[in-house]
Amino acid sequence: QETPKAPSIPDPRGSYSDSEGGLSFTFMSTGRFYQELLGETTFGTWSRSGSSATITLDDGSSMDVRLGDGWVEFNGMRLSK
């Protein structure tokens, strides 16, 4: 009897941006992360938990983003690869 395959968990590594290009997220394989918002860049780390990722910025603030196939969702805004 075959064991069922685990559902595929989206791999967030890569860069995502909104349609206007004002906000972008980049997830690196090292666990580091950076976001660019209107020309300002902030850095931090990320860790995956199921179908979401927790981002902790270097200033100590953290946020959760939903992960999908080729997209991430942050505060209701979808960013695409």
PDB file of N, CA and C in Angstrom:
ATOM      1  N   GLN A   1       0.846  -1.191   0.000  1.00  0.00           N
ATOM      2  CA  GLN A   1       0.000   0.000   0.000  1.00  0.00           C
ATOM      3  C   GLN A   1       0.888   1.249   0.000  1.00  0.00           C
ATOM      4  N   GLU A   2       0.578   2.164  -0.916  1.00  0.00           N
ATOM      5  CA  GLU A   2       1.378   3.385  -1.022  1.00  0.00           C
ATOM      6  C   GLU A   2       1.034   4.349   0.099  1.00  0.00           C
ATOM      7  N   THR A   3       2.050   5.002   0.603  1.00  0.00           N
ATOM      8  CA  THR A   3       1.780   6.030   1.601  1.00  0.00           C
ATOM      9  C   THR A   3       1.397   7.310   0.868  1.00  0.00           C
ATOM     10  N   PRO A   4       0.386   8.004   1.361  1.00  0.00           N
ATOM     11  CA  PRO A   4      -0.027   9.229   0.666  1.00  0.00           C
ATOM     12  C   PRO A   4       1.083  10.274   0.735  1.00  0.00           C
ATOM     13  N   LYS A   5       1.218  11.021  -0.331  1.00  0.00           N
ATOM     14  CA  LYS A   5       2.235  12.068  -0.362  1.00  0.00           C
ATOM     15  C   LYS A   5       1.760  13.237   0.484  1.00  0.00           C
ATOM     16  N   ALA A   6       2.695  13.824   1.200  1.00  0.00           N
ATOM     17  CA  ALA A   6       2.361  15.022   1.977  1.00  0.00           C
ATOM     18  C   ALA A   6       2.018  16.141   1.005  1.00  0.00           C
ATOM     19  N   PRO A   7       1.083  16.996   1.377  1.00  0.00           N
ATOM     20  CA  PRO A   7       0.770  18.105   0.479  1.00  0.00           C
ATOM     21  C   PRO A   7       2.011  18.969   0.277  1.00  0.00           C
ATOM     22  N   SER A   8       2.162  19.467  -0.908  1.00  0.00           N
ATOM     23  CA  SER A   8       3.347  20.271  -1.199  1.00  0.00           C
ATOM     24  C   SER A   8       3.235  21.610  -0.478  1.00  0.00           C
ATOM     25  N   ILE A   9       4.302  21.962   0.231  1.00  0.00           N
ATOM     26  CA  ILE A   9       4.328  23.231   0.956  1.00  0.00           C
ATOM     27  C   ILE A   9       5.071  24.227   0.082  1.00  0.00           C
ATOM     28  N   PRO A  10       4.464  25.390  -0.171  1.00  0.00           N
ATOM     29  CA  PRO A  10       5.133  26.361  -1.035  1.00  0.00           C
ATOM     30  C   PRO A  10       6.504  26.753  -0.485  1.00  0.00           C
ATOM     31  N   ASP A  11       7.458  26.858  -1.377  1.00  0.00           N
ATOM     32  CA  ASP A  11       8.803  27.297  -1.008  1.00  0.00           C
ATOM     33  C   ASP A  11       8.869  28.802  -1.256  1.00  0.00           C
ATOM     34  N   PRO A  12       9.015  29.602  -0.202  1.00  0.00           N
ATOM     35  CA  PRO A  12       8.936  31.059  -0.395  1.00  0.00           C
ATOM     36  C   PRO A  12      10.180  31.695  -0.989  1.00  0.00           C
ATOM     37  N   ARG A  13      11.290  30.936  -1.128  1.00  0.00           N
ATOM     38  CA  ARG A  13      12.524  31.569  -1.587  1.00  0.00           C
ATOM     39  C   ARG A  13      12.332  32.273  -2.926  1.00  0.00           C
ATOM     40  N   GLY A  14      12.866  33.492  -3.017  1.00  0.00           N
ATOM     41  CA  GLY A  14      12.747  34.286  -4.232  1.00  0.00           C
ATOM     42  C   GLY A  14      12.230  35.670  -3.916  1.00  0.00           C
ATOM     43  N   SER A  15      11.932  36.423  -4.967  1.00  0.00           N
ATOM     44  CA  SER A  15      11.464  37.799  -4.820  1.00  0.00           C
ATOM     45  C   SER A  15      10.027  37.921  -5.292  1.00  0.00           C
ATOM     46  N   TYR A  16       9.279  38.747  -4.585  1.00  0.00           N
ATOM     47  CA  TYR A  16       7.865  38.985  -4.884  1.00  0.00           C
ATOM     48  C   TYR A  16       7.642  40.487  -4.870  1.00  0.00           C
ATOM     49  N   SER A  17       6.731  40.967  -5.708  1.00  0.00           N
ATOM     50  CA  SER A  17       6.404  42.387  -5.658  1.00  0.00           C
ATOM     51  C   SER A  17       4.939  42.601  -5.982  1.00  0.00           C
ATOM     52  N   ASP A  18       4.424  43.770  -5.550  1.00  0.00           N
ATOM     53  CA  ASP A  18       3.043  44.109  -5.885  1.00  0.00           C
ATOM     54  C   ASP A  18       2.994  44.616  -7.323  1.00  0.00           C
ATOM     55  N   SER A  19       1.798  44.794  -7.844  1.00  0.00           N
ATOM     56  CA  SER A  19       1.657  45.148  -9.256  1.00  0.00           C
ATOM     57  C   SER A  19       2.231  46.527  -9.566  1.00  0.00           C
ATOM     58  N   GLU A  20       2.254  47.444  -8.597  1.00  0.00           N
ATOM     59  CA  GLU A  20       2.801  48.780  -8.832  1.00  0.00           C
ATOM     60  C   GLU A  20       4.309  48.833  -8.591  1.00  0.00           C
ATOM     61  N   GLY A  21       4.865  47.797  -7.960  1.00  0.00           N
ATOM     62  CA  GLY A  21       6.296  47.787  -7.689  1.00  0.00           C
ATOM     63  C   GLY A  21       6.706  48.615  -6.476  1.00  0.00           C
ATOM     64  N   GLY A  22       5.743  49.057  -5.670  1.00  0.00           N
ATOM     65  CA  GLY A  22       6.062  49.854  -4.491  1.00  0.00           C
ATOM     66  C   GLY A  22       6.552  49.030  -3.324  1.00  0.00           C
ATOM     67  N   LEU A  23       6.179  47.755  -3.288  1.00  0.00           N
ATOM     68  CA  LEU A  23       6.547  46.872  -2.184  1.00  0.00           C
ATOM     69  C   LEU A  23       7.110  45.585  -2.759  1.00  0.00           C
ATOM     70  N   SER A  24       8.250  45.156  -2.240  1.00  0.00           N
ATOM     71  CA  SER A  24       8.774  43.854  -2.642  1.00  0.00           C
ATOM     72  C   SER A  24       9.375  43.140  -1.442  1.00  0.00           C
ATOM     73  N   PHE A  25       9.268  41.829  -1.468  1.00  0.00           N
ATOM     74  CA  PHE A  25       9.833  40.955  -0.448  1.00  0.00           C
ATOM     75  C   PHE A  25      10.826  40.038  -1.142  1.00  0.00           C
ATOM     76  N   THR A  26      11.962  39.770  -0.517  1.00  0.00           N
ATOM     77  CA  THR A  26      12.903  38.781  -1.028  1.00  0.00           C
ATOM     78  C   THR A  26      13.268  37.831   0.101  1.00  0.00           C
ATOM     79  N   PHE A  27      12.987  36.541  -0.108  1.00  0.00           N
ATOM     80  CA  PHE A  27      13.299  35.490   0.861  1.00  0.00           C
ATOM     81  C   PHE A  27      14.538  34.755   0.364  1.00  0.00           C
ATOM     82  N   MET A  28      15.584  34.721   1.168  1.00  0.00           N
ATOM     83  CA  MET A  28      16.817  34.038   0.765  1.00  0.00           C
ATOM     84  C   MET A  28      16.903  32.677   1.442  1.00  0.00           C
ATOM     85  N   SER A  29      17.602  31.744   0.809  1.00  0.00           N
ATOM     86  CA  SER A  29      17.700  30.379   1.340  1.00  0.00           C
ATOM     87  C   SER A  29      18.448  30.328   2.672  1.00  0.00           C
ATOM     88  N   THR A  30      19.166  31.394   3.009  1.00  0.00           N
ATOM     89  CA  THR A  30      19.916  31.449   4.272  1.00  0.00           C
ATOM     90  C   THR A  30      19.009  31.733   5.467  1.00  0.00           C
ATOM     91  N   GLY A  31      17.714  32.017   5.198  1.00  0.00           N
ATOM     92  CA  GLY A  31      16.816  32.402   6.277  1.00  0.00           C
ATOM     93  C   GLY A  31      16.772  33.904   6.477  1.00  0.00           C
ATOM     94  N   ARG A  32      17.536  34.637   5.664  1.00  0.00           N
ATOM     95  CA  ARG A  32      17.474  36.096   5.721  1.00  0.00           C
ATOM     96  C   ARG A  32      16.363  36.581   4.800  1.00  0.00           C
ATOM     97  N   PHE A  33      15.951  37.803   5.015  1.00  0.00           N
ATOM     98  CA  PHE A  33      14.825  38.377   4.308  1.00  0.00           C
ATOM     99  C   PHE A  33      15.071  39.870   4.171  1.00  0.00           C
ATOM    100  N   TYR A  34      14.607  40.441   3.073  1.00  0.00           N
ATOM    101  CA  TYR A  34      14.542  41.904   3.047  1.00  0.00           C
ATOM    102  C   TYR A  34      13.314  42.361   2.293  1.00  0.00           C
ATOM    103  N   GLN A  35      12.854  43.539   2.678  1.00  0.00           N
ATOM    104  CA  GLN A  35      11.697  44.122   2.020  1.00  0.00           C
ATOM    105  C   GLN A  35      12.076  45.518   1.566  1.00  0.00           C
ATOM    106  N   GLU A  36      11.535  45.888   0.420  1.00  0.00           N
ATOM    107  CA  GLU A  36      11.705  47.243  -0.071  1.00  0.00           C
ATOM    108  C   GLU A  36      10.334  47.867  -0.155  1.00  0.00           C
ATOM    109  N   LEU A  37      10.176  49.007   0.502  1.00  0.00           N
ATOM    110  CA  LEU A  37       8.906  49.724   0.490  1.00  0.00           C
ATOM    111  C   LEU A  37       9.201  51.160   0.104  1.00  0.00           C
ATOM    112  N   LEU A  38       8.750  51.557  -1.095  1.00  0.00           N
ATOM    113  CA  LEU A  38       8.938  52.906  -1.604  1.00  0.00           C
ATOM    114  C   LEU A  38      10.388  53.372  -1.462  1.00  0.00           C
ATOM    115  N   GLY A  39      11.320  52.504  -1.846  1.00  0.00           N
ATOM    116  CA  GLY A  39      12.730  52.864  -1.853  1.00  0.00           C
ATOM    117  C   GLY A  39      13.471  52.630  -0.542  1.00  0.00           C
ATOM    118  N   GLU A  40      12.753  52.330   0.543  1.00  0.00           N
ATOM    119  CA  GLU A  40      13.390  52.045   1.834  1.00  0.00           C
ATOM    120  C   GLU A  40      13.542  50.531   1.981  1.00  0.00           C
ATOM    121  N   THR A  41      14.740  50.067   2.359  1.00  0.00           N
ATOM    122  CA  THR A  41      14.985  48.637   2.514  1.00  0.00           C
ATOM    123  C   THR A  41      15.137  48.299   3.990  1.00  0.00           C
ATOM    124  N   THR A  42      14.411  47.256   4.431  1.00  0.00           N
ATOM    125  CA  THR A  42      14.557  46.751   5.798  1.00  0.00           C
ATOM    126  C   THR A  42      14.925  45.277   5.720  1.00  0.00           C
ATOM    127  N   PHE A  43      15.700  44.829   6.691  1.00  0.00           N
ATOM    128  CA  PHE A  43      16.228  43.467   6.689  1.00  0.00           C
ATOM    129  C   PHE A  43      15.726  42.699   7.897  1.00  0.00           C
ATOM    130  N   GLY A  44      15.755  41.379   7.801  1.00  0.00           N
ATOM    131  CA  GLY A  44      15.374  40.532   8.915  1.00  0.00           C
ATOM    132  C   GLY A  44      15.571  39.072   8.563  1.00  0.00           C
ATOM    133  N   THR A  45      14.860  38.223   9.293  1.00  0.00           N
ATOM    134  CA  THR A  45      14.923  36.787   9.066  1.00  0.00           C
ATOM    135  C   THR A  45      13.510  36.261   8.839  1.00  0.00           C
ATOM    136  N   TRP A  46      13.423  35.060   8.265  1.00  0.00           N
ATOM    137  CA  TRP A  46      12.109  34.442   8.070  1.00  0.00           C
ATOM    138  C   TRP A  46      12.182  32.981   8.456  1.00  0.00           C
ATOM    139  N   SER A  47      11.045  32.448   8.881  1.00  0.00           N
ATOM    140  CA  SER A  47      10.923  31.012   9.143  1.00  0.00           C
ATOM    141  C   SER A  47       9.530  30.573   8.724  1.00  0.00           C
ATOM    142  N   ARG A  48       9.459  29.382   8.168  1.00  0.00           N
ATOM    143  CA  ARG A  48       8.189  28.872   7.660  1.00  0.00           C
ATOM    144  C   ARG A  48       7.473  28.093   8.740  1.00  0.00           C
ATOM    145  N   SER A  49       6.149  28.239   8.749  1.00  0.00           N
ATOM    146  CA  SER A  49       5.294  27.467   9.638  1.00  0.00           C
ATOM    147  C   SER A  49       4.064  27.064   8.841  1.00  0.00           C
ATOM    148  N   GLY A  50       4.087  25.854   8.285  1.00  0.00           N
ATOM    149  CA  GLY A  50       2.968  25.407   7.456  1.00  0.00           C
ATOM    150  C   GLY A  50       2.857  26.255   6.204  1.00  0.00           C
ATOM    151  N   SER A  51       1.671  26.817   5.964  1.00  0.00           N
ATOM    152  CA  SER A  51       1.462  27.601   4.747  1.00  0.00           C
ATOM    153  C   SER A  51       1.643  29.094   4.997  1.00  0.00           C
ATOM    154  N   SER A  52       2.379  29.435   6.046  1.00  0.00           N
ATOM    155  CA  SER A  52       2.707  30.841   6.260  1.00  0.00           C
ATOM    156  C   SER A  52       4.164  30.954   6.677  1.00  0.00           C
ATOM    157  N   ALA A  53       4.665  32.173   6.691  1.00  0.00           N
ATOM    158  CA  ALA A  53       6.027  32.440   7.135  1.00  0.00           C
ATOM    159  C   ALA A  53       5.976  33.598   8.118  1.00  0.00           C
ATOM    160  N   THR A  54       6.806  33.514   9.133  1.00  0.00           N
ATOM    161  CA  THR A  54       6.934  34.614  10.078  1.00  0.00           C
ATOM    162  C   THR A  54       8.199  35.376   9.736  1.00  0.00           C
ATOM    163  N   ILE A  55       8.059  36.665   9.577  1.00  0.00           N
ATOM    164  CA  ILE A  55       9.186  37.541   9.271  1.00  0.00           C
ATOM    165  C   ILE A  55       9.491  38.329  10.533  1.00  0.00           C
ATOM    166  N   THR A  56      10.752  38.323  10.947  1.00  0.00           N
ATOM    167  CA  THR A  56      11.178  39.139  12.080  1.00  0.00           C
ATOM    168  C   THR A  56      12.208  40.140  11.576  1.00  0.00           C
ATOM    169  N   LEU A  57      11.838  41.404  11.609  1.00  0.00           N
ATOM    170  CA  LEU A  57      12.743  42.444  11.129  1.00  0.00           C
ATOM    171  C   LEU A  57      13.827  42.695  12.164  1.00  0.00           C
ATOM    172  N   ASP A  58      14.944  43.277  11.709  1.00  0.00           N
ATOM    173  CA  ASP A  58      16.069  43.527  12.599  1.00  0.00           C
ATOM    174  C   ASP A  58      15.709  44.476  13.740  1.00  0.00           C
ATOM    175  N   ASP A  59      14.645  45.272  13.601  1.00  0.00           N
ATOM    176  CA  ASP A  59      14.231  46.154  14.697  1.00  0.00           C
ATOM    177  C   ASP A  59      13.399  45.426  15.750  1.00  0.00           C
ATOM    178  N   GLY A  60      13.167  44.107  15.522  1.00  0.00           N
ATOM    179  CA  GLY A  60      12.437  43.300  16.502  1.00  0.00           C
ATOM    180  C   GLY A  60      10.972  43.101  16.189  1.00  0.00           C
ATOM    181  N   SER A  61      10.414  43.873  15.253  1.00  0.00           N
ATOM    182  CA  SER A  61       9.007  43.688  14.907  1.00  0.00           C
ATOM    183  C   SER A  61       8.852  42.437  14.050  1.00  0.00           C
ATOM    184  N   SER A  62       7.691  41.793  14.143  1.00  0.00           N
ATOM    185  CA  SER A  62       7.477  40.604  13.324  1.00  0.00           C
ATOM    186  C   SER A  62       6.095  40.639  12.698  1.00  0.00           C
ATOM    187  N   MET A  63       5.944  39.875  11.627  1.00  0.00           N
ATOM    188  CA  MET A  63       4.676  39.804  10.906  1.00  0.00           C
ATOM    189  C   MET A  63       4.582  38.444  10.247  1.00  0.00           C
ATOM    190  N   ASP A  64       3.360  38.034   9.959  1.00  0.00           N
ATOM    191  CA  ASP A  64       3.128  36.768   9.268  1.00  0.00           C
ATOM    192  C   ASP A  64       2.679  37.053   7.845  1.00  0.00           C
ATOM    193  N   VAL A  65       3.128  36.222   6.918  1.00  0.00           N
ATOM    194  CA  VAL A  65       2.666  36.300   5.536  1.00  0.00           C
ATOM    195  C   VAL A  65       2.166  34.920   5.125  1.00  0.00           C
ATOM    196  N   ARG A  66       1.108  34.893   4.326  1.00  0.00           N
ATOM    197  CA  ARG A  66       0.597  33.633   3.784  1.00  0.00           C
ATOM    198  C   ARG A  66       1.397  33.281   2.547  1.00  0.00           C
ATOM    199  N   LEU A  67       1.662  31.989   2.381  1.00  0.00           N
ATOM    200  CA  LEU A  67       2.441  31.523   1.243  1.00  0.00           C
ATOM    201  C   LEU A  67       1.549  30.777   0.271  1.00  0.00           C
ATOM    202  N   GLY A  68       1.747  31.017  -1.005  1.00  0.00           N
ATOM    203  CA  GLY A  68       1.047  30.276  -2.038  1.00  0.00           C
ATOM    204  C   GLY A  68       2.027  29.870  -3.117  1.00  0.00           C
ATOM    205  N   ASP A  69       1.520  29.268  -4.163  1.00  0.00           N
ATOM    206  CA  ASP A  69       2.368  28.832  -5.263  1.00  0.00           C
ATOM    207  C   ASP A  69       2.665  30.035  -6.157  1.00  0.00           C
ATOM    208  N   GLY A  70       3.841  30.643  -5.966  1.00  0.00           N
ATOM    209  CA  GLY A  70       4.206  31.806  -6.771  1.00  0.00           C
ATOM    210  C   GLY A  70       3.721  33.126  -6.217  1.00  0.00           C
ATOM    211  N   TRP A  71       3.206  33.150  -5.001  1.00  0.00           N
ATOM    212  CA  TRP A  71       2.747  34.400  -4.394  1.00  0.00           C
ATOM    213  C   TRP A  71       2.899  34.355  -2.878  1.00  0.00           C
ATOM    214  N   VAL A  72       2.923  35.525  -2.268  1.00  0.00           N
ATOM    215  CA  VAL A  72       2.807  35.678  -0.822  1.00  0.00           C
ATOM    216  C   VAL A  72       1.745  36.746  -0.589  1.00  0.00           C
ATOM    217  N   GLU A  73       1.086  36.663   0.566  1.00  0.00           N
ATOM    218  CA  GLU A  73       0.067  37.642   0.883  1.00  0.00           C
ATOM    219  C   GLU A  73       0.430  38.305   2.212  1.00  0.00           C
ATOM    220  N   PHE A  74       0.477  39.627   2.211  1.00  0.00           N
ATOM    221  CA  PHE A  74       0.868  40.417   3.367  1.00  0.00           C
ATOM    222  C   PHE A  74      -0.176  41.503   3.568  1.00  0.00           C
ATOM    223  N   ASN A  75      -0.808  41.528   4.756  1.00  0.00           N
ATOM    224  CA  ASN A  75      -1.838  42.543   5.064  1.00  0.00           C
ATOM    225  C   ASN A  75      -2.895  42.622   3.963  1.00  0.00           C
ATOM    226  N   GLY A  76      -3.293  41.472   3.432  1.00  0.00           N
ATOM    227  CA  GLY A  76      -4.324  41.445   2.405  1.00  0.00           C
ATOM    228  C   GLY A  76      -3.849  41.797   1.007  1.00  0.00           C
ATOM    229  N   MET A  77      -2.557  42.130   0.861  1.00  0.00           N
ATOM    230  CA  MET A  77      -2.005  42.467  -0.453  1.00  0.00           C
ATOM    231  C   MET A  77      -1.230  41.280  -1.000  1.00  0.00           C
ATOM    232  N   ARG A  78      -1.548  40.880  -2.215  1.00  0.00           N
ATOM    233  CA  ARG A  78      -0.858  39.744  -2.812  1.00  0.00           C
ATOM    234  C   ARG A  78       0.325  40.214  -3.636  1.00  0.00           C
ATOM    235  N   LEU A  79       1.493  39.640  -3.355  1.00  0.00           N
ATOM    236  CA  LEU A  79       2.707  39.931  -4.104  1.00  0.00           C
ATOM    237  C   LEU A  79       3.042  38.698  -4.924  1.00  0.00           C
ATOM    238  N   SER A  80       3.439  38.907  -6.177  1.00  0.00           N
ATOM    239  CA  SER A  80       3.714  37.782  -7.070  1.00  0.00           C
ATOM    240  C   SER A  80       5.190  37.714  -7.421  1.00  0.00           C
ATOM    241  N   LYS A  81       5.630  36.466  -7.716  1.00  0.00           N
ATOM    242  CA  LYS A  81       7.034  36.251  -8.123  1.00  0.00           C
ATOM    243  C   LYS A  81       7.283  36.890  -9.456  1.00  0.00           C
TER     244      LYS A  81
END
